[in-house]
Amino acid sequence: MTDVTDTLQLTVQHPRPGLAIATVLGDVDTRTADILRREASGVLERGCPHLVLDLSQVGFCDSAGLSALIGLWHTAQAVGGALGLVNVPDRLMRMLVLTGVDAVLPVHATAAEAVTAMTAGLFTSAGEHGSITRASAGGGSGEPTGVQRTACDSAHTPSAELS
């Protein structure tokens, strides 16, 4: 049986202007889905309309997590971007297929594959900018503090912990 936790971490890399890769660590459920939706939406709305979510470190995802993924897809569409999923755990992949969400949310084997699919014709250069930000929340409060907001194309962004 999977141990469900109240902790969710989101580490965001910005390999190119307008594109972010976010690694999700933890369970995406009723306690953490809003955190994922809020933090990833913030990335999309702050100038990174193309987002790849690496789900390789997600231990559990329930219907609230699935709803958050669909909401993020809508947000990406609203800002003229795209959302892609990579390294989707088998259990979550079955949920995506059974619900038909896999027909809307592109699923790729690797982040490199997702980036290639998203950037085909979208970028004219490899992009010399890059940064990493880290956000985490725990304890069930649902209200992260201390988040450092950054532009998508900043040269380097120090890590920020949410508590």
Protein backbone atom coordinates (compact mmCIF):
# COMPACT_ATOMS: atom_id res chain seq x y z
CA MET A 1 0.00 0.00 0.00
CA THR A 2 1.22 3.51 -0.80
CA ASP A 3 1.84 5.92 2.07
CA VAL A 4 0.01 9.16 1.31
CA THR A 5 1.80 12.32 2.44
CA ASP A 6 0.88 15.98 2.86
CA THR A 7 4.03 17.13 1.09
CA LEU A 8 4.42 18.20 -2.51
CA GLN A 9 7.56 19.64 -4.06
CA LEU A 10 7.78 21.29 -7.44
CA THR A 11 11.21 21.94 -8.93
CA VAL A 12 11.13 24.09 -12.04
CA GLN A 13 13.87 24.38 -14.65
CA HIS A 14 13.77 26.96 -17.42
CA PRO A 15 15.93 25.56 -20.24
CA ARG A 16 14.65 28.09 -22.80
CA PRO A 17 12.64 31.28 -22.74
CA GLY A 18 8.94 30.45 -22.72
CA LEU A 19 9.50 26.82 -21.66
CA ALA A 20 9.66 25.23 -18.22
CA ILE A 21 10.17 21.68 -17.01
CA ALA A 22 8.67 21.03 -13.58
CA THR A 23 9.46 17.91 -11.61
CA VAL A 24 6.71 16.97 -9.18
CA LEU A 25 7.72 15.10 -6.02
CA GLY A 26 5.09 13.64 -3.73
CA ASP A 27 1.47 12.66 -3.88
CA VAL A 28 -1.02 14.69 -5.91
CA ASP A 29 -4.28 14.30 -4.03
CA THR A 30 -6.99 16.29 -2.29
CA ARG A 31 -4.42 17.79 0.11
CA THR A 32 -1.83 18.82 -2.49
CA ALA A 33 -3.59 19.20 -5.86
CA ASP A 34 -4.32 22.90 -5.27
CA ILE A 35 -0.64 23.52 -4.54
CA LEU A 36 0.35 21.90 -7.83
CA ARG A 37 -2.31 23.82 -9.72
CA ARG A 38 -1.41 27.16 -8.13
CA GLU A 39 2.38 26.85 -8.50
CA ALA A 40 2.35 25.41 -12.03
CA SER A 41 -0.28 27.94 -13.14
CA GLY A 42 1.99 30.67 -11.82
CA VAL A 43 4.82 29.38 -14.02
CA LEU A 44 2.52 29.37 -17.06
CA GLU A 45 1.13 32.83 -16.36
CA ARG A 46 4.53 34.44 -15.67
CA GLY A 47 5.81 34.07 -19.21
CA CYS A 48 6.43 30.32 -19.59
CA PRO A 49 3.41 29.23 -21.62
CA HIS A 50 4.94 25.83 -22.43
CA LEU A 51 5.21 23.51 -19.44
CA VAL A 52 6.45 19.93 -19.19
CA LEU A 53 5.48 18.12 -15.99
CA ASP A 54 7.84 15.30 -15.01
CA LEU A 55 5.73 12.95 -12.91
CA SER A 56 8.36 10.26 -12.31
CA GLN A 57 8.43 11.02 -8.57
CA VAL A 58 4.67 11.06 -8.03
CA GLY A 59 3.73 8.18 -5.78
CA PHE A 60 -0.03 8.61 -5.87
CA CYS A 61 -2.56 10.67 -7.82
CA ASP A 62 -6.29 10.73 -7.17
CA SER A 63 -9.18 12.44 -8.95
CA ALA A 64 -8.25 15.80 -7.43
CA GLY A 65 -4.78 15.41 -8.95
CA LEU A 66 -6.28 14.48 -12.30
CA SER A 67 -8.50 17.56 -12.08
CA ALA A 68 -5.41 19.70 -11.35
CA LEU A 69 -3.69 18.34 -14.47
CA ILE A 70 -6.75 19.13 -16.59
CA GLY A 71 -6.92 22.62 -15.05
CA LEU A 72 -3.25 23.18 -15.89
CA TRP A 73 -3.92 22.11 -19.48
CA HIS A 74 -6.71 24.74 -19.65
CA THR A 75 -4.39 27.39 -18.19
CA ALA A 76 -1.69 26.55 -20.73
CA GLN A 77 -4.23 26.83 -23.54
CA ALA A 78 -5.48 30.16 -22.19
CA VAL A 79 -1.97 31.66 -22.31
CA GLY A 80 -1.30 30.32 -25.80
CA GLY A 81 0.92 27.50 -24.63
CA ALA A 82 0.95 23.78 -24.11
CA LEU A 83 1.21 21.25 -21.29
CA GLY A 84 2.98 17.93 -21.68
CA LEU A 85 3.45 15.05 -19.24
CA VAL A 86 6.55 12.87 -19.00
CA ASN A 87 7.62 9.85 -17.00
CA VAL A 88 4.02 9.12 -16.03
CA PRO A 89 3.78 6.28 -13.46
CA ASP A 90 1.83 3.22 -14.66
CA ARG A 91 -1.04 3.70 -12.21
CA LEU A 92 -1.55 7.33 -13.30
CA MET A 93 -1.20 6.37 -16.97
CA ARG A 94 -4.02 3.86 -16.55
CA MET A 95 -6.17 6.62 -15.02
CA LEU A 96 -5.38 8.94 -17.94
CA VAL A 97 -6.31 6.24 -20.46
CA LEU A 98 -9.48 5.12 -18.66
CA THR A 99 -10.76 8.70 -18.43
CA GLY A 100 -9.69 9.63 -21.96
CA VAL A 101 -7.49 12.45 -20.69
CA ASP A 102 -4.52 10.94 -22.56
CA ALA A 103 -6.24 12.09 -25.76
CA VAL A 104 -5.97 15.72 -24.58
CA LEU A 105 -2.78 15.79 -22.52
CA PRO A 106 0.25 14.72 -24.54
CA VAL A 107 2.28 12.05 -22.74
CA HIS A 108 5.93 11.62 -23.66
CA ALA A 109 8.54 9.09 -22.55
CA THR A 110 11.17 11.72 -21.72
CA ALA A 111 11.47 15.43 -21.07
CA ALA A 112 13.70 15.76 -24.13
CA GLU A 113 10.98 14.23 -26.30
CA ALA A 114 8.36 16.58 -24.85
CA VAL A 115 10.60 19.61 -25.32
CA THR A 116 11.25 18.62 -28.94
CA ALA A 117 7.51 18.21 -29.58
CA MET A 118 6.68 21.54 -27.94
CA THR A 119 9.47 23.56 -29.45
CA ALA A 120 9.20 22.35 -33.03
CA GLY A 121 8.94 25.67 -34.85
CA LEU A 122 8.30 27.70 -31.68
CA PHE A 123 11.83 28.87 -30.89
CA THR A 124 14.37 30.41 -33.23
CA SER A 125 17.34 29.79 -30.94
CA ALA A 126 18.34 27.25 -28.34
CA GLY A 127 17.94 29.94 -25.71
CA GLU A 128 20.91 31.01 -23.66
CA HIS A 129 18.90 31.55 -20.50
CA GLY A 130 18.13 29.00 -17.85
CA SER A 131 17.13 28.89 -14.23
CA ILE A 132 15.85 26.59 -11.53
CA THR A 133 13.34 27.35 -8.81
CA ARG A 134 12.11 24.99 -6.15
CA ALA A 135 8.87 25.13 -4.24
CA SER A 136 7.54 22.76 -1.61
CA ALA A 137 4.67 22.77 0.81
CA GLY A 138 3.73 20.51 3.65
CA GLY A 139 1.80 20.12 6.82
CA GLY A 140 -1.58 20.34 5.14
CA SER A 141 -1.90 24.11 5.48
CA GLY A 142 -2.12 24.57 1.72
CA GLU A 143 -0.67 28.07 1.97
CA PRO A 144 2.97 28.21 0.89
CA THR A 145 5.09 31.11 2.07
CA GLY A 146 8.40 32.50 0.95
CA VAL A 147 8.01 31.79 -2.76
CA GLN A 148 10.41 33.72 -4.92
CA ARG A 149 8.71 34.63 -8.17
CA THR A 150 10.95 34.87 -11.20
CA ALA A 151 10.68 35.64 -14.87
CA CYS A 152 10.90 32.60 -17.07
CA ASP A 153 14.01 33.75 -18.88
CA SER A 154 16.10 34.90 -15.94
CA ALA A 155 19.73 33.85 -16.06
CA HIS A 156 19.67 32.10 -12.67
CA THR A 157 17.13 31.81 -9.92
CA PRO A 158 18.08 30.71 -6.41
CA SER A 159 15.99 28.03 -4.74
CA ALA A 160 13.09 29.01 -2.53
CA GLU A 161 11.49 26.71 0.03
CA LEU A 162 7.82 26.88 0.84
CA SER A 163 6.71 25.82 4.26
